[in-house]
Amino acid sequence: MKLDASFVAGALADPVYRTVVEAIVQISGKLGITTIAEGVERPDQQDFLAQMGADAAQGHLYSPALSTEALLEWLTLAERAEID
């Protein structure tokens, strides 16, 4: 189950968004469905999602969108432990 970036962006400031995120993560967990949060841009968003129990996250906090060529280069460097 993907959590849309708009919910992630609003969850820390708006209790309605926070409740939606929490409910989706809980329901997904009870159904055995992996939850992936989109649009994570800040460490506080990452911390909140981890606290809620989201299984994974994606967004600019980790990496901007990459072309296939750039991704392959990044993976090669990561394999050699030359990047974090």
C-alpha atoms as a PDB file:
ATOM      1  CA  MET A   1       0.000   0.000   0.000  1.00  0.00           C
ATOM      2  CA  LYS A   2       1.489   3.360  -0.980  1.00  0.00           C
ATOM      3  CA  LEU A   3       0.894   6.367   1.202  1.00  0.00           C
ATOM      4  CA  ASP A   4       0.579   9.381  -1.068  1.00  0.00           C
ATOM      5  CA  ALA A   5       3.095  12.187  -0.623  1.00  0.00           C
ATOM      6  CA  SER A   6       0.307  14.635   0.231  1.00  0.00           C
ATOM      7  CA  PHE A   7      -0.544  12.632   3.375  1.00  0.00           C
ATOM      8  CA  VAL A   8       3.134  12.383   4.318  1.00  0.00           C
ATOM      9  CA  ALA A   9       3.643  16.128   3.829  1.00  0.00           C
ATOM     10  CA  GLY A  10       0.638  17.037   5.966  1.00  0.00           C
ATOM     11  CA  ALA A  11       0.892  14.422   8.712  1.00  0.00           C
ATOM     12  CA  LEU A  12       3.109  16.419  11.052  1.00  0.00           C
ATOM     13  CA  ALA A  13       1.023  19.593  10.891  1.00  0.00           C
ATOM     14  CA  ASP A  14      -2.544  18.365  10.416  1.00  0.00           C
ATOM     15  CA  PRO A  15      -4.195  15.899  12.809  1.00  0.00           C
ATOM     16  CA  VAL A  16      -6.538  14.657  10.054  1.00  0.00           C
ATOM     17  CA  TYR A  17      -3.613  13.668   7.814  1.00  0.00           C
ATOM     18  CA  ARG A  18      -1.848  12.135  10.800  1.00  0.00           C
ATOM     19  CA  THR A  19      -4.909  10.012  11.583  1.00  0.00           C
ATOM     20  CA  VAL A  20      -5.214   8.892   7.950  1.00  0.00           C
ATOM     21  CA  VAL A  21      -1.545   7.829   7.860  1.00  0.00           C
ATOM     22  CA  GLU A  22      -1.843   6.010  11.164  1.00  0.00           C
ATOM     23  CA  ALA A  23      -5.042   4.214  10.077  1.00  0.00           C
ATOM     24  CA  ILE A  24      -3.613   3.129   6.713  1.00  0.00           C
ATOM     25  CA  VAL A  25      -0.425   1.796   8.316  1.00  0.00           C
ATOM     26  CA  GLN A  26      -2.395  -0.087  10.979  1.00  0.00           C
ATOM     27  CA  ILE A  27      -4.914  -1.595   8.545  1.00  0.00           C
ATOM     28  CA  SER A  28      -2.152  -2.587   6.130  1.00  0.00           C
ATOM     29  CA  GLY A  29      -0.202  -4.220   8.924  1.00  0.00           C
ATOM     30  CA  LYS A  30      -3.215  -6.224  10.100  1.00  0.00           C
ATOM     31  CA  LEU A  31      -3.811  -7.407   6.528  1.00  0.00           C
ATOM     32  CA  GLY A  32      -0.153  -8.282   6.004  1.00  0.00           C
ATOM     33  CA  ILE A  33       0.274  -5.627   3.319  1.00  0.00           C
ATOM     34  CA  THR A  34       3.565  -3.722   3.048  1.00  0.00           C
ATOM     35  CA  THR A  35       3.216   0.044   3.475  1.00  0.00           C
ATOM     36  CA  ILE A  36       5.458   2.404   1.491  1.00  0.00           C
ATOM     37  CA  ALA A  37       5.351   6.137   2.163  1.00  0.00           C
ATOM     38  CA  GLU A  38       6.029   8.439  -0.796  1.00  0.00           C
ATOM     39  CA  GLY A  39       7.475  11.936  -0.754  1.00  0.00           C
ATOM     40  CA  VAL A  40       9.655  11.720   2.339  1.00  0.00           C
ATOM     41  CA  GLU A  41      11.821  14.836   2.276  1.00  0.00           C
ATOM     42  CA  ARG A  42      12.798  15.429   5.898  1.00  0.00           C
ATOM     43  CA  PRO A  43      14.168  13.362   8.792  1.00  0.00           C
ATOM     44  CA  ASP A  44      11.194  14.274  11.000  1.00  0.00           C
ATOM     45  CA  GLN A  45       8.846  12.747   8.408  1.00  0.00           C
ATOM     46  CA  GLN A  46      10.999   9.611   8.340  1.00  0.00           C
ATOM     47  CA  ASP A  47      10.929   9.409  12.147  1.00  0.00           C
ATOM     48  CA  PHE A  48       7.151   9.859  12.256  1.00  0.00           C
ATOM     49  CA  LEU A  49       6.579   7.143   9.641  1.00  0.00           C
ATOM     50  CA  ALA A  50       8.901   4.734  11.450  1.00  0.00           C
ATOM     51  CA  GLN A  51       7.073   5.453  14.697  1.00  0.00           C
ATOM     52  CA  MET A  52       3.750   4.714  12.968  1.00  0.00           C
ATOM     53  CA  GLY A  53       5.150   1.418  11.666  1.00  0.00           C
ATOM     54  CA  ALA A  54       5.469   2.122   7.934  1.00  0.00           C
ATOM     55  CA  ASP A  55       7.532  -0.603   6.286  1.00  0.00           C
ATOM     56  CA  ALA A  56       9.422   1.570   3.803  1.00  0.00           C
ATOM     57  CA  ALA A  57       9.726   5.109   2.524  1.00  0.00           C
ATOM     58  CA  GLN A  58      10.880   6.826  -0.619  1.00  0.00           C
ATOM     59  CA  GLY A  59      11.596  10.411  -1.501  1.00  0.00           C
ATOM     60  CA  HIS A  60      14.216  13.108  -1.886  1.00  0.00           C
ATOM     61  CA  LEU A  61      15.522  12.476   1.627  1.00  0.00           C
ATOM     62  CA  TYR A  62      17.067   9.314   0.215  1.00  0.00           C
ATOM     63  CA  SER A  63      17.653  10.216  -3.427  1.00  0.00           C
ATOM     64  CA  PRO A  64      16.206  12.385  -6.165  1.00  0.00           C
ATOM     65  CA  ALA A  65      14.692  10.624  -9.156  1.00  0.00           C
ATOM     66  CA  LEU A  66      17.483   9.028 -11.193  1.00  0.00           C
ATOM     67  CA  SER A  67      17.809   8.003 -14.807  1.00  0.00           C
ATOM     68  CA  THR A  68      18.510   4.327 -15.422  1.00  0.00           C
ATOM     69  CA  GLU A  69      22.160   5.105 -16.121  1.00  0.00           C
ATOM     70  CA  ALA A  70      22.554   7.165 -12.948  1.00  0.00           C
ATOM     71  CA  LEU A  71      20.814   4.485 -10.875  1.00  0.00           C
ATOM     72  CA  LEU A  72      23.129   1.779 -12.168  1.00  0.00           C
ATOM     73  CA  GLU A  73      26.139   3.967 -11.354  1.00  0.00           C
ATOM     74  CA  TRP A  74      24.763   4.671  -7.878  1.00  0.00           C
ATOM     75  CA  LEU A  75      24.173   0.960  -7.240  1.00  0.00           C
ATOM     76  CA  THR A  76      27.713   0.128  -8.369  1.00  0.00           C
ATOM     77  CA  LEU A  77      29.159   2.720  -5.994  1.00  0.00           C
ATOM     78  CA  ALA A  78      26.908   1.543  -3.162  1.00  0.00           C
ATOM     79  CA  GLU A  79      28.047  -2.038  -3.703  1.00  0.00           C
ATOM     80  CA  ARG A  80      31.632  -0.847  -3.271  1.00  0.00           C
ATOM     81  CA  ALA A  81      30.521   1.081  -0.146  1.00  0.00           C
ATOM     82  CA  GLU A  82      31.725   4.337  -1.672  1.00  0.00           C
ATOM     83  CA  ILE A  83      28.452   6.117  -0.903  1.00  0.00           C
ATOM     84  CA  ASP A  84      25.944   6.031   1.917  1.00  0.00           C
END
